Amino acid sequence: MKNLVLLLFILFTLPAVSQLCGSSVVPPALVNGVSVTATQSGSVSPYPTAYTSCGNTTPANSIHMGATGIFSYTFNFSVAVNNVVIVITATGSGVNEIFNLMTSSGAPAITINSSCFTTVTGAQISSGMGSGPTGGGGIFTVTALTPFTSLTISGPGGQAGSLFALCNNSVLPFNSANTVKMCDGDSILLQNAYQKTGGVYRDTLISSIGVDSIITTTLEIEERPVFGVAISNGYCVNTPVLFTNSTTSKDSISDYIWNFGDGAIITQSGSSISHPYATSGPKTVVLTANSLLGCNYDTTFVINIDDPPTADFSADSVCFSEATTIIDLSGVPVNITSWNYSLDGVTYSTQNVNHTFSTFGLKNIKLVVTNTSNCIDSVEKQTVVAPKPIVDFTYSPTELNFINPVACFNNNTQNATSYFWDFGFNTSTLENPCQDYSTQIGSNTAKLIARNDFGCIDSMEVEIVFGNLASVYMPNAFTPNDDDVNDVFTPQLLDIVSYEFLIFNRWGQLVFSSQEIGEGWDGKFNGEPAKSEVYVYTLVALTKRGQVKEYKGHVTLIR
């Protein structure tokens, strides 16, 4: 925290008052409304780094006077000032360095606020002899009888030179009624106490001839900004994190400086800034707001940067019409919050998937995973959906019996390279085998299993029936005389499942009909014995193989 002392002089010779240096500045600069510039000659140059001696520090780019010989340096002030405080470091070593001070109002009085290896004689400072390698120096208040607009420091130099800077809170416009604005958190000496609160303060100054002077100071405190930061895009390694700055301030802010906690310090341009992190873990972020008054305020927060997930999965190769099983293999699954698979024109949001592809071929599968920090990774792989054989076959003859007992199979299968036939009683690996069914009377099954180079299979089976020849035997005569010998005209059937049996007389009149297998004509018509003569019959039969056969002929009724 800086401690500032406001010293005001009226046009009398007043006792010197010590003033502490809160922070220092070198021209050109605008300090408390006063523009400070400089003119120089001889051995004068900027010194690139901050330097400390006697507990006092000059900043980077301070004024290096007298390094190689005679020098002269003049501070020029845009308005009259007084009681200006200077800080000097790195003076002398073996002998004193000499500094002569002169203002535009004449030779000033010099008050030592703090020093080492230094003496003041009138308007001359001698410093450094015996100080050793770090040098001497101090903080000094320069007071003239009247306010001045320039301060010149000169000397013979030649002792490696010394470093100078102004204490910025000592550079104030000179008047008897002042308004002072300072940073929130700073303090200033008013009414014999260090003040931090804004208000009106009155100090009584007594001159050397006993004249009192009342100095009124209006103290204004710059308000701290109200910080606001929004973070988006997730917290992921190698993904730029977007910081949106919504900070508000009643006083003008000159710039915003971001320290991202990984060594990167960047001045913000615009209302937002993005920054990628190369490593994971907690990062302490500091946002500093610098006001036009020269105040700086900051806010600190910690964000945790996550490693992104590693998207991965396995998908088995299958035969067409079978389900492909997709298993998630993504890294750090405990932090993954969502899975999104895209395949075959559809999407899935489950961790693992079973999917049956609509066509065969080489299939693309894409997985996108997201973790708790909204970090995203994706992977795309391919899997094979192999075509299956399309099994089809026929055989001939289609009616097997003892006359035609051998069935030959015609294989019409597509996309197959090997075959296995299972006939129930025999097997074959031929493409188009023949099989003898003479020992397999009745119903049989023939099954073909086909396989291709992908290992995919398909099968088909049919029923094959082997039987005797379906036949109908019709007698050509019968004697319905009730002697129990050849009394009924009955068809003799083999492998017939149904029929229609009709008998007509020679006039075309229907004398008998039946659809009941085994029922014959007993030689009666309308309950009376029919005449002995020749009759015509027709029989339409359905075989066990589904064939329809028709038989016609004559039968003689004999009494």
Protein backbone atom coordinates (compact mmCIF):
# COMPACT_ATOMS: atom_id res chain seq x y z
CA MET A 1 0.00 0.00 0.00
CA LYS A 2 1.33 3.45 -0.90
CA ASN A 3 1.55 6.17 1.76
CA LEU A 4 1.36 9.64 0.22
CA VAL A 5 1.88 12.99 1.82
CA LEU A 6 0.27 16.12 0.39
CA LEU A 7 2.36 19.22 1.10
CA LEU A 8 1.00 22.59 0.13
CA PHE A 9 2.86 25.86 0.42
CA ILE A 10 1.62 29.34 0.18
CA LEU A 11 4.01 32.05 -0.93
CA PHE A 12 5.99 31.99 2.32
CA THR A 13 9.09 30.16 3.39
CA LEU A 14 7.76 27.12 5.27
CA PRO A 15 9.57 24.40 7.16
CA ALA A 16 10.46 21.40 5.03
CA VAL A 17 8.11 18.49 5.49
CA SER A 18 9.19 14.87 4.80
CA GLN A 19 7.25 13.01 2.14
CA LEU A 20 7.26 9.28 1.45
CA CYS A 21 7.46 7.89 -2.09
CA GLY A 22 4.52 5.53 -2.88
CA SER A 23 5.53 4.82 -6.49
CA SER A 24 7.91 6.47 -8.93
CA VAL A 25 7.73 7.66 -12.51
CA VAL A 26 10.04 9.02 -15.24
CA PRO A 27 9.18 11.46 -18.04
CA PRO A 28 7.31 11.69 -20.24
CA ALA A 29 4.31 11.11 -18.01
CA LEU A 30 0.95 12.58 -17.01
CA VAL A 31 0.81 12.66 -13.22
CA ASN A 32 -2.21 13.98 -11.30
CA GLY A 33 -3.12 16.20 -14.23
CA VAL A 34 0.45 17.55 -14.60
CA SER A 35 2.28 16.76 -17.86
CA VAL A 36 5.94 16.03 -17.11
CA THR A 37 8.51 16.16 -19.93
CA ALA A 38 12.31 16.42 -19.96
CA THR A 39 15.28 17.99 -21.74
CA GLN A 40 18.82 16.70 -21.32
CA SER A 41 22.45 17.00 -22.34
CA GLY A 42 25.68 15.16 -21.65
CA SER A 43 25.78 11.69 -20.11
CA VAL A 44 22.08 10.83 -19.75
CA SER A 45 20.37 7.57 -20.77
CA PRO A 46 17.53 5.25 -19.63
CA TYR A 47 18.41 2.37 -17.32
CA PRO A 48 16.44 -0.73 -18.41
CA THR A 49 15.73 -2.44 -15.07
CA ALA A 50 14.55 -1.51 -11.60
CA TYR A 51 17.34 -0.94 -9.04
CA THR A 52 17.37 -0.86 -5.22
CA SER A 53 19.85 0.72 -2.83
CA CYS A 54 19.38 1.97 0.75
CA GLY A 55 15.96 0.28 0.68
CA ASN A 56 14.76 2.63 -2.07
CA THR A 57 13.92 1.54 -5.62
CA THR A 58 14.01 3.30 -8.96
CA PRO A 59 11.78 1.72 -11.64
CA ALA A 60 12.73 0.21 -14.97
CA ASN A 61 13.74 2.87 -17.54
CA SER A 62 14.79 5.28 -14.77
CA ILE A 63 17.14 8.17 -15.66
CA HIS A 64 20.83 7.20 -15.65
CA MET A 65 22.83 10.41 -15.09
CA GLY A 66 26.61 10.92 -15.22
CA ALA A 67 27.74 7.46 -16.25
CA THR A 68 30.56 8.79 -18.44
CA GLY A 69 30.93 12.47 -17.54
CA ILE A 70 29.19 15.81 -17.27
CA PHE A 71 25.40 15.76 -17.41
CA SER A 72 22.36 18.01 -17.17
CA TYR A 73 18.73 16.84 -16.91
CA THR A 74 15.63 19.08 -16.61
CA PHE A 75 12.14 18.01 -15.50
CA ASN A 76 9.55 20.30 -17.15
CA PHE A 77 6.08 20.62 -15.54
CA SER A 78 3.02 21.89 -17.46
CA VAL A 79 1.77 23.74 -14.34
CA ALA A 80 3.59 25.07 -11.29
CA VAL A 81 4.47 22.51 -8.63
CA ASN A 82 6.37 22.47 -5.36
CA ASN A 83 7.60 20.00 -2.78
CA VAL A 84 8.51 17.54 -5.52
CA VAL A 85 10.04 14.31 -4.21
CA ILE A 86 12.85 12.55 -6.08
CA VAL A 87 14.33 9.12 -5.48
CA ILE A 88 18.05 8.45 -6.18
CA THR A 89 19.80 5.03 -6.22
CA ALA A 90 23.19 3.58 -7.17
CA THR A 91 25.22 6.65 -6.15
CA GLY A 92 29.02 6.69 -5.79
CA SER A 93 31.14 3.86 -4.50
CA GLY A 94 34.68 4.99 -3.78
CA VAL A 95 33.95 8.75 -3.94
CA ASN A 96 30.81 10.89 -3.70
CA GLU A 97 28.76 11.78 -6.74
CA ILE A 98 27.71 15.43 -6.87
CA PHE A 99 24.21 16.60 -7.86
CA ASN A 100 23.38 20.32 -8.17
CA LEU A 101 19.66 21.20 -8.13
CA MET A 102 18.05 24.36 -9.57
CA THR A 103 14.36 25.24 -10.14
CA SER A 104 12.77 27.86 -12.38
CA SER A 105 12.10 29.77 -9.10
CA GLY A 106 15.72 29.59 -7.94
CA ALA A 107 17.85 27.35 -5.78
CA PRO A 108 15.63 25.00 -3.72
CA ALA A 109 15.81 23.68 -0.19
CA ILE A 110 16.43 19.94 -0.04
CA THR A 111 14.97 17.80 2.74
CA ILE A 112 16.23 14.26 3.35
CA ASN A 113 13.32 11.86 3.83
CA SER A 114 15.55 8.77 3.92
CA SER A 115 19.14 8.22 2.78
CA CYS A 116 22.43 6.41 3.22
CA PHE A 117 25.98 7.59 2.56
CA THR A 118 24.55 11.00 1.67
CA THR A 119 24.89 14.63 2.78
CA VAL A 120 22.99 17.75 1.67
CA THR A 121 24.58 21.18 1.51
CA GLY A 122 22.24 23.91 0.29
CA ALA A 123 20.99 22.87 -3.12
CA GLN A 124 23.67 20.19 -3.55
CA ILE A 125 23.48 16.46 -2.79
CA SER A 126 26.71 14.48 -2.23
CA SER A 127 26.16 10.72 -2.09
CA GLY A 128 27.80 7.31 -2.33
CA MET A 129 31.28 7.41 -0.85
CA GLY A 130 31.93 4.23 1.14
CA SER A 131 28.65 2.61 0.07
CA GLY A 132 30.19 -0.41 -1.59
CA PRO A 133 29.01 -2.07 -4.82
CA THR A 134 25.28 -1.34 -4.40
CA GLY A 135 25.77 2.41 -3.96
CA GLY A 136 24.05 5.00 -1.83
CA GLY A 137 21.07 7.27 -2.41
CA GLY A 138 17.80 8.26 -0.79
CA ILE A 139 14.47 10.07 -1.07
CA PHE A 140 14.54 13.87 -1.07
CA THR A 141 11.90 16.64 -1.07
CA VAL A 142 12.72 19.64 -3.28
CA THR A 143 11.08 22.87 -2.05
CA ALA A 144 11.38 26.33 -3.63
CA LEU A 145 10.26 29.72 -2.24
CA THR A 146 7.63 29.81 -4.97
CA PRO A 147 6.14 27.07 -7.14
CA PHE A 148 8.28 26.15 -10.12
CA THR A 149 7.77 24.74 -13.60
CA SER A 150 11.19 23.16 -14.06
CA LEU A 151 13.76 21.31 -11.97
CA THR A 152 17.32 20.84 -13.30
CA ILE A 153 19.82 18.32 -11.91
CA SER A 154 23.43 18.61 -13.12
CA GLY A 155 26.90 17.47 -12.11
CA PRO A 156 30.38 16.42 -13.20
CA GLY A 157 29.50 12.68 -13.37
CA GLY A 158 32.19 10.12 -14.16
CA GLN A 159 31.56 7.73 -11.23
CA ALA A 160 29.47 5.17 -13.22
CA GLY A 161 26.43 7.37 -12.77
CA SER A 162 23.29 7.25 -10.61
CA LEU A 163 19.59 6.57 -11.19
CA PHE A 164 16.75 9.13 -10.74
CA ALA A 165 12.94 9.10 -10.73
CA LEU A 166 10.05 11.25 -9.49
CA CYS A 167 7.64 10.15 -6.74
CA ASN A 168 4.39 10.49 -8.67
CA ASN A 169 2.10 11.48 -5.77
CA SER A 170 4.35 14.47 -5.01
CA VAL A 171 3.70 16.00 -8.45
CA LEU A 172 0.58 18.11 -7.79
CA PRO A 173 -0.73 21.40 -9.17
CA PHE A 174 0.09 24.08 -6.56
CA ASN A 175 -2.85 25.95 -5.06
CA SER A 176 -4.27 26.61 -1.65
CA ALA A 177 -7.48 24.74 -2.36
CA ASN A 178 -6.79 21.33 -3.85
CA THR A 179 -8.79 18.42 -5.08
CA VAL A 180 -6.86 15.19 -4.83
CA LYS A 181 -8.06 11.92 -6.29
CA MET A 182 -6.33 8.72 -5.32
CA CYS A 183 -6.70 4.99 -5.77
CA ASP A 184 -9.04 2.97 -3.61
CA GLY A 185 -6.89 1.43 -0.87
CA ASP A 186 -4.18 4.14 -0.91
CA SER A 187 -3.75 6.69 1.91
CA ILE A 188 -2.60 10.31 2.14
CA LEU A 189 -1.43 12.45 5.07
CA LEU A 190 -4.08 15.06 5.85
CA GLN A 191 -4.99 16.61 9.21
CA ASN A 192 -2.00 14.78 10.77
CA ALA A 193 -3.30 11.33 9.86
CA TYR A 194 -3.25 9.04 6.86
CA GLN A 195 -6.65 9.29 5.25
CA LYS A 196 -8.36 6.60 3.13
CA THR A 197 -11.86 8.07 3.00
CA GLY A 198 -13.04 10.75 0.63
CA GLY A 199 -14.07 14.11 2.06
CA VAL A 200 -12.92 17.69 2.74
CA TYR A 201 -9.82 18.08 4.97
CA ARG A 202 -8.24 21.33 6.34
CA ASP A 203 -4.60 21.71 7.39
CA THR A 204 -3.11 24.75 9.17
CA LEU A 205 0.43 25.62 8.11
CA ILE A 206 2.60 28.06 10.10
CA SER A 207 5.30 29.93 8.23
CA SER A 208 8.70 30.93 9.61
CA ILE A 209 7.40 34.43 10.29
CA GLY A 210 4.34 33.12 12.12
CA VAL A 211 1.76 33.46 9.37
CA ASP A 212 -0.94 30.74 9.44
CA SER A 213 -2.29 29.30 6.26
CA ILE A 214 -5.41 27.12 6.00
CA ILE A 215 -5.11 24.60 3.15
CA THR A 216 -8.39 22.94 2.10
CA THR A 217 -8.11 19.57 0.38
CA THR A 218 -11.01 17.76 -1.23
CA LEU A 219 -10.09 14.09 -1.25
CA GLU A 220 -11.77 11.89 -3.86
CA ILE A 221 -11.41 8.12 -3.90
CA GLU A 222 -11.52 6.34 -7.22
CA GLU A 223 -14.12 3.59 -7.03
CA ARG A 224 -13.03 0.03 -7.58
CA PRO A 225 -14.40 -1.53 -10.76
CA VAL A 226 -17.14 -4.13 -10.44
CA PHE A 227 -15.56 -7.18 -12.03
CA GLY A 228 -17.56 -9.55 -14.18
CA VAL A 229 -16.15 -12.47 -16.14
CA ALA A 230 -18.00 -15.16 -18.10
CA ILE A 231 -16.22 -18.26 -19.35
CA SER A 232 -17.34 -20.45 -22.24
CA ASN A 233 -16.09 -23.10 -24.71
CA GLY A 234 -15.39 -25.55 -21.88
CA TYR A 235 -12.22 -26.06 -19.86
CA CYS A 236 -10.20 -28.33 -22.09
CA VAL A 237 -6.53 -28.81 -22.94
CA ASN A 238 -5.64 -27.26 -26.34
CA THR A 239 -9.14 -25.80 -26.75
CA PRO A 240 -9.25 -21.98 -26.49
CA VAL A 241 -11.17 -20.91 -23.39
CA LEU A 242 -13.21 -17.77 -24.08
CA PHE A 243 -13.14 -15.15 -21.31
CA THR A 244 -15.78 -12.41 -21.73
CA ASN A 245 -15.05 -9.31 -19.63
CA SER A 246 -18.21 -7.54 -18.42
CA THR A 247 -16.42 -5.39 -15.81
CA THR A 248 -18.01 -1.98 -15.17
CA SER A 249 -16.32 1.12 -13.73
CA LYS A 250 -17.41 4.69 -13.01
CA ASP A 251 -13.88 5.83 -13.81
CA SER A 252 -12.16 5.31 -17.12
CA ILE A 253 -10.08 2.14 -17.49
CA SER A 254 -7.00 2.42 -19.66
CA ASP A 255 -6.50 -1.31 -20.19
CA TYR A 256 -7.15 -4.80 -18.86
CA ILE A 257 -4.29 -7.24 -18.30
CA TRP A 258 -4.91 -10.99 -18.10
CA ASN A 259 -2.54 -13.34 -16.29
CA PHE A 260 -3.78 -16.78 -17.27
CA GLY A 261 -1.82 -18.69 -14.64
CA ASP A 262 0.38 -20.56 -17.12
CA GLY A 263 2.97 -17.87 -17.77
CA ALA A 264 0.91 -16.04 -20.40
CA ILE A 265 0.16 -12.35 -19.67
CA ILE A 266 -1.88 -10.61 -22.36
CA THR A 267 -3.48 -7.18 -22.73
CA GLN A 268 -7.14 -7.50 -23.68
CA SER A 269 -8.35 -6.08 -26.98
CA GLY A 270 -12.13 -5.82 -27.28
CA SER A 271 -14.64 -7.17 -24.78
CA SER A 272 -13.36 -10.74 -24.75
CA ILE A 273 -10.17 -12.75 -25.03
CA SER A 274 -9.46 -16.42 -25.64
CA HIS A 275 -6.56 -18.49 -24.42
CA PRO A 276 -5.66 -22.18 -24.91
CA TYR A 277 -4.00 -24.20 -22.15
CA ALA A 278 -1.37 -26.78 -23.03
CA THR A 279 -1.62 -28.69 -19.75
CA SER A 280 -4.43 -29.79 -17.46
CA GLY A 281 -4.98 -28.92 -13.80
CA PRO A 282 -6.06 -25.87 -11.77
CA LYS A 283 -5.12 -22.47 -13.25
CA THR A 284 -5.16 -19.26 -11.20
CA VAL A 285 -6.38 -16.44 -13.45
CA VAL A 286 -5.83 -12.79 -12.50
CA LEU A 287 -7.63 -9.95 -14.31
CA THR A 288 -6.10 -6.51 -13.63
CA ALA A 289 -7.88 -3.25 -14.51
CA ASN A 290 -5.60 -0.21 -14.85
CA SER A 291 -7.30 3.18 -14.54
CA LEU A 292 -6.26 6.44 -16.20
CA LEU A 293 -5.35 7.70 -12.73
CA GLY A 294 -2.65 5.04 -12.60
CA CYS A 295 -4.50 2.79 -10.16
CA ASN A 296 -4.66 -0.93 -10.65
CA TYR A 297 -7.28 -3.34 -9.36
CA ASP A 298 -7.58 -7.05 -9.82
CA THR A 299 -9.77 -10.06 -9.32
CA THR A 300 -8.56 -13.64 -9.01
CA PHE A 301 -10.32 -16.92 -9.74
CA VAL A 302 -9.32 -20.51 -10.37
CA ILE A 303 -10.45 -22.70 -13.27
CA ASN A 304 -9.69 -26.37 -13.70
CA ILE A 305 -8.51 -27.46 -17.15
CA ASP A 306 -9.40 -31.03 -18.07
CA ASP A 307 -7.73 -33.41 -20.45
CA PRO A 308 -10.12 -34.15 -23.33
CA PRO A 309 -11.66 -37.63 -23.55
CA THR A 310 -10.25 -40.09 -26.08
CA ALA A 311 -13.07 -41.33 -28.29
CA ASP A 312 -12.78 -45.00 -29.29
CA PHE A 313 -15.02 -48.03 -29.91
CA SER A 314 -15.01 -51.52 -31.37
CA ALA A 315 -17.51 -52.82 -33.92
CA ASP A 316 -17.66 -56.48 -34.94
CA SER A 317 -17.95 -57.56 -38.55
CA VAL A 318 -21.19 -59.44 -39.22
CA CYS A 319 -23.20 -61.06 -41.96
CA PHE A 320 -26.07 -59.17 -43.49
CA SER A 321 -29.29 -59.20 -41.42
CA GLU A 322 -27.28 -59.79 -38.23
CA ALA A 323 -26.88 -57.03 -35.58
CA THR A 324 -23.50 -55.24 -35.30
CA THR A 325 -22.44 -54.83 -31.66
CA ILE A 326 -20.63 -51.53 -30.96
CA ILE A 327 -18.74 -51.33 -27.64
CA ASP A 328 -17.50 -47.97 -26.27
CA LEU A 329 -13.75 -47.96 -25.51
CA SER A 330 -13.36 -44.21 -24.89
CA GLY A 331 -10.74 -43.10 -22.35
CA VAL A 332 -11.67 -41.75 -18.90
CA PRO A 333 -15.28 -43.01 -19.17
CA VAL A 334 -16.13 -41.82 -15.64
CA ASN A 335 -15.98 -38.20 -16.91
CA ILE A 336 -17.89 -38.78 -20.15
CA THR A 337 -21.43 -37.46 -20.04
CA SER A 338 -22.67 -38.11 -23.58
CA TRP A 339 -22.09 -40.43 -26.53
CA ASN A 340 -23.35 -39.80 -30.05
CA TYR A 341 -23.04 -42.46 -32.73
CA SER A 342 -23.83 -41.72 -36.39
CA LEU A 343 -24.25 -44.70 -38.73
CA ASP A 344 -26.51 -45.97 -41.49
CA GLY A 345 -28.47 -42.69 -41.53
CA VAL A 346 -29.46 -42.93 -37.83
CA THR A 347 -28.00 -41.73 -34.51
CA TYR A 348 -27.73 -43.31 -31.06
CA SER A 349 -27.03 -41.62 -27.72
CA THR A 350 -26.35 -44.74 -25.63
CA GLN A 351 -22.86 -45.81 -24.56
CA ASN A 352 -23.06 -49.12 -26.44
CA VAL A 353 -25.14 -49.93 -29.52
CA ASN A 354 -26.62 -52.90 -31.35
CA HIS A 355 -27.58 -52.03 -34.92
CA THR A 356 -28.70 -54.05 -37.95
CA PHE A 357 -27.55 -52.37 -41.16
CA SER A 358 -30.03 -52.02 -44.01
CA THR A 359 -27.52 -53.10 -46.69
CA PHE A 360 -24.26 -55.00 -46.81
CA GLY A 361 -20.83 -53.51 -47.56
CA LEU A 362 -18.16 -51.39 -45.84
CA LYS A 363 -19.95 -49.21 -43.25
CA ASN A 364 -18.81 -45.94 -41.61
CA ILE A 365 -19.42 -45.38 -37.90
CA LYS A 366 -18.67 -42.06 -36.14
CA LEU A 367 -18.58 -41.53 -32.37
CA VAL A 368 -18.53 -38.12 -30.64
CA VAL A 369 -18.03 -38.07 -26.85
CA THR A 370 -18.32 -35.15 -24.41
CA ASN A 371 -17.02 -35.00 -20.83
CA THR A 372 -18.08 -33.03 -17.75
CA SER A 373 -16.03 -29.99 -18.82
CA ASN A 374 -17.71 -29.97 -22.25
CA CYS A 375 -14.52 -31.26 -23.87
CA ILE A 376 -15.24 -33.11 -27.12
CA ASP A 377 -13.41 -35.79 -29.09
CA SER A 378 -14.51 -37.88 -32.05
CA VAL A 379 -13.38 -40.93 -33.99
CA GLU A 380 -14.61 -42.55 -37.19
CA LYS A 381 -14.10 -46.21 -38.05
CA GLN A 382 -15.36 -48.74 -40.60
CA THR A 383 -16.82 -52.21 -40.18
CA VAL A 384 -17.80 -54.93 -42.65
CA VAL A 385 -21.35 -56.15 -43.19
CA ALA A 386 -20.80 -59.18 -45.40
CA PRO A 387 -23.39 -60.43 -47.92
CA LYS A 388 -25.08 -63.75 -47.18
CA PRO A 389 -25.72 -66.51 -49.72
CA ILE A 390 -29.23 -66.66 -51.18
CA VAL A 391 -30.15 -70.33 -51.12
CA ASP A 392 -32.56 -71.80 -53.66
CA PHE A 393 -32.89 -75.22 -55.26
CA THR A 394 -35.34 -77.49 -57.09
CA TYR A 395 -35.38 -81.21 -57.76
CA SER A 396 -36.77 -83.56 -60.37
CA PRO A 397 -38.73 -85.62 -60.84
CA THR A 398 -41.09 -84.06 -58.35
CA GLU A 399 -43.00 -87.39 -57.92
CA LEU A 400 -40.83 -90.14 -56.56
CA ASN A 401 -41.84 -93.79 -56.57
CA PHE A 402 -40.40 -97.15 -57.40
CA ILE A 403 -40.52 -96.34 -61.07
CA ASN A 404 -38.69 -93.00 -60.51
CA PRO A 405 -36.84 -93.39 -57.18
CA VAL A 406 -33.88 -90.96 -57.77
CA ALA A 407 -34.20 -87.17 -57.18
CA CYS A 408 -31.58 -84.91 -58.79
CA PHE A 409 -31.15 -81.47 -57.20
CA ASN A 410 -30.63 -78.29 -59.20
CA ASN A 411 -28.73 -75.75 -57.02
CA ASN A 412 -29.71 -72.13 -57.84
CA THR A 413 -27.93 -70.57 -54.82
CA GLN A 414 -26.20 -67.17 -55.23
CA ASN A 415 -23.03 -65.80 -53.49
CA ALA A 416 -21.90 -69.17 -52.10
CA THR A 417 -18.64 -71.08 -52.32
CA SER A 418 -19.42 -74.30 -50.41
CA TYR A 419 -22.50 -76.46 -49.88
CA PHE A 420 -23.73 -79.06 -47.43
CA TRP A 421 -26.78 -81.21 -48.21
CA ASP A 422 -28.59 -83.04 -45.42
CA PHE A 423 -31.13 -85.59 -46.67
CA GLY A 424 -31.85 -87.03 -43.23
CA PHE A 425 -30.44 -90.42 -44.12
CA ASN A 426 -27.43 -89.23 -46.13
CA THR A 427 -25.30 -86.07 -46.75
CA SER A 428 -23.40 -84.55 -49.67
CA THR A 429 -21.06 -81.59 -50.39
CA LEU A 430 -21.63 -81.64 -54.14
CA GLU A 431 -23.13 -78.57 -55.74
CA ASN A 432 -25.83 -80.52 -57.60
CA PRO A 433 -26.19 -84.02 -56.07
CA CYS A 434 -28.65 -86.82 -56.89
CA GLN A 435 -30.18 -89.03 -54.19
CA ASP A 436 -31.94 -92.46 -54.32
CA TYR A 437 -35.09 -92.49 -52.16
CA SER A 438 -36.15 -96.09 -52.86
CA THR A 439 -35.51 -97.07 -49.23
CA GLN A 440 -37.23 -93.95 -47.82
CA ILE A 441 -40.94 -94.53 -48.46
CA GLY A 442 -43.00 -91.66 -47.08
CA SER A 443 -42.14 -88.04 -46.15
CA ASN A 444 -38.49 -86.89 -46.14
CA THR A 445 -36.66 -83.55 -45.69
CA ALA A 446 -33.88 -82.24 -47.94
CA LYS A 447 -31.91 -79.31 -46.47
CA LEU A 448 -29.19 -77.24 -48.20
CA ILE A 449 -26.75 -75.12 -46.11
CA ALA A 450 -24.63 -72.72 -48.23
CA ARG A 451 -21.55 -70.78 -47.05
CA ASN A 452 -19.53 -67.96 -48.69
CA ASP A 453 -15.95 -66.68 -48.27
CA PHE A 454 -17.04 -64.32 -45.45
CA GLY A 455 -18.27 -67.29 -43.42
CA CYS A 456 -21.89 -66.22 -43.86
CA ILE A 457 -24.49 -68.99 -44.29
CA ASP A 458 -28.06 -69.42 -45.48
CA SER A 459 -30.24 -72.52 -45.66
CA MET A 460 -33.41 -73.91 -47.21
CA GLU A 461 -35.29 -77.16 -46.75
CA VAL A 462 -38.18 -78.85 -48.57
CA GLU A 463 -40.32 -81.96 -48.03
CA ILE A 464 -39.79 -84.85 -50.41
CA VAL A 465 -42.35 -87.67 -50.52
CA PHE A 466 -41.54 -91.10 -51.88
CA GLY A 467 -44.60 -93.38 -52.51
CA ASN A 468 -46.09 -96.16 -54.70
CA LEU A 469 -47.82 -95.15 -57.92
CA ALA A 470 -51.29 -93.87 -57.26
CA SER A 471 -53.79 -96.24 -59.08
CA VAL A 472 -57.47 -97.23 -59.39
CA TYR A 473 -58.62 -100.76 -60.38
CA MET A 474 -62.20 -101.12 -61.65
CA PRO A 475 -63.83 -104.60 -62.14
CA ASN A 476 -65.62 -105.08 -65.50
CA ALA A 477 -68.54 -107.12 -64.09
CA PHE A 478 -70.36 -108.02 -60.87
CA THR A 479 -73.24 -110.33 -59.77
CA PRO A 480 -75.51 -108.78 -57.15
CA ASN A 481 -77.41 -112.00 -56.23
CA ASP A 482 -76.83 -111.95 -52.47
CA ASP A 483 -74.41 -114.91 -52.44
CA ASP A 484 -71.70 -112.73 -50.88
CA VAL A 485 -69.55 -113.27 -53.92
CA ASN A 486 -68.93 -110.27 -56.18
CA ASP A 487 -72.21 -108.73 -55.05
CA VAL A 488 -70.92 -105.05 -55.04
CA PHE A 489 -69.15 -103.01 -57.75
CA THR A 490 -66.35 -101.32 -55.68
CA PRO A 491 -63.20 -99.46 -57.00
CA GLN A 492 -59.87 -100.77 -55.73
CA LEU A 493 -57.69 -97.72 -54.75
CA LEU A 494 -53.98 -97.05 -54.07
CA ASP A 495 -52.67 -93.66 -52.71
CA ILE A 496 -56.04 -92.01 -53.35
CA VAL A 497 -57.18 -89.51 -50.69
CA SER A 498 -60.61 -88.61 -52.16
CA TYR A 499 -62.82 -89.20 -55.18
CA GLU A 500 -66.19 -88.75 -56.86
CA PHE A 501 -67.69 -92.04 -58.23
CA LEU A 502 -70.67 -91.91 -60.73
CA ILE A 503 -72.57 -94.72 -62.63
CA PHE A 504 -75.01 -94.17 -65.54
CA ASN A 505 -77.38 -96.52 -67.48
CA ARG A 506 -77.36 -96.65 -71.21
CA TRP A 507 -79.89 -93.83 -71.35
CA GLY A 508 -77.50 -91.52 -69.46
CA GLN A 509 -79.54 -91.68 -66.29
CA LEU A 510 -77.51 -91.48 -63.04
CA VAL A 511 -78.15 -94.68 -61.09
CA PHE A 512 -75.40 -94.33 -58.40
CA SER A 513 -73.02 -91.72 -56.93
CA SER A 514 -70.60 -91.64 -53.98
CA GLN A 515 -67.73 -89.59 -52.53
CA GLU A 516 -66.99 -92.01 -49.70
CA ILE A 517 -63.90 -94.10 -50.33
CA GLY A 518 -64.72 -97.84 -50.09
CA GLU A 519 -68.43 -97.45 -50.84
CA GLY A 520 -69.57 -99.43 -53.95
CA TRP A 521 -72.82 -100.01 -56.02
CA ASP A 522 -75.00 -102.92 -54.92
CA GLY A 523 -76.89 -103.12 -58.28
CA LYS A 524 -80.04 -101.33 -57.11
CA PHE A 525 -81.73 -98.21 -58.50
CA ASN A 526 -84.27 -96.40 -56.41
CA GLY A 527 -84.33 -99.43 -54.07
CA GLU A 528 -85.16 -101.91 -56.81
CA PRO A 529 -82.81 -104.34 -58.57
CA ALA A 530 -81.44 -102.77 -61.74
CA LYS A 531 -81.65 -104.58 -65.10
CA SER A 532 -78.89 -106.84 -66.24
CA GLU A 533 -77.02 -104.77 -68.83
CA VAL A 534 -73.88 -102.70 -69.42
CA TYR A 535 -73.42 -99.48 -67.37
CA VAL A 536 -70.98 -96.57 -67.78
CA TYR A 537 -68.86 -95.20 -64.85
CA THR A 538 -66.59 -92.17 -64.23
CA LEU A 539 -64.24 -91.70 -61.25
CA VAL A 540 -62.32 -88.47 -60.54
CA ALA A 541 -59.62 -89.12 -57.89
CA LEU A 542 -57.14 -86.91 -55.91
CA THR A 543 -53.79 -88.59 -55.19
CA LYS A 544 -51.61 -88.11 -52.11
CA ARG A 545 -49.26 -86.01 -54.24
CA GLY A 546 -52.07 -83.61 -55.04
CA GLN A 547 -52.63 -84.88 -58.56
CA VAL A 548 -56.13 -85.22 -60.02
CA LYS A 549 -56.80 -88.33 -62.12
CA GLU A 550 -59.92 -89.33 -64.06
CA TYR A 551 -61.02 -92.91 -64.89
CA LYS A 552 -63.86 -93.95 -67.28
CA GLY A 553 -65.13 -97.37 -68.31
CA HIS A 554 -67.93 -99.97 -68.50
CA VAL A 555 -69.17 -102.55 -66.07
CA THR A 556 -71.68 -105.39 -66.76
CA LEU A 557 -74.37 -106.23 -64.21
CA ILE A 558 -75.15 -109.97 -64.36
CA ARG A 559 -78.01 -111.67 -62.52
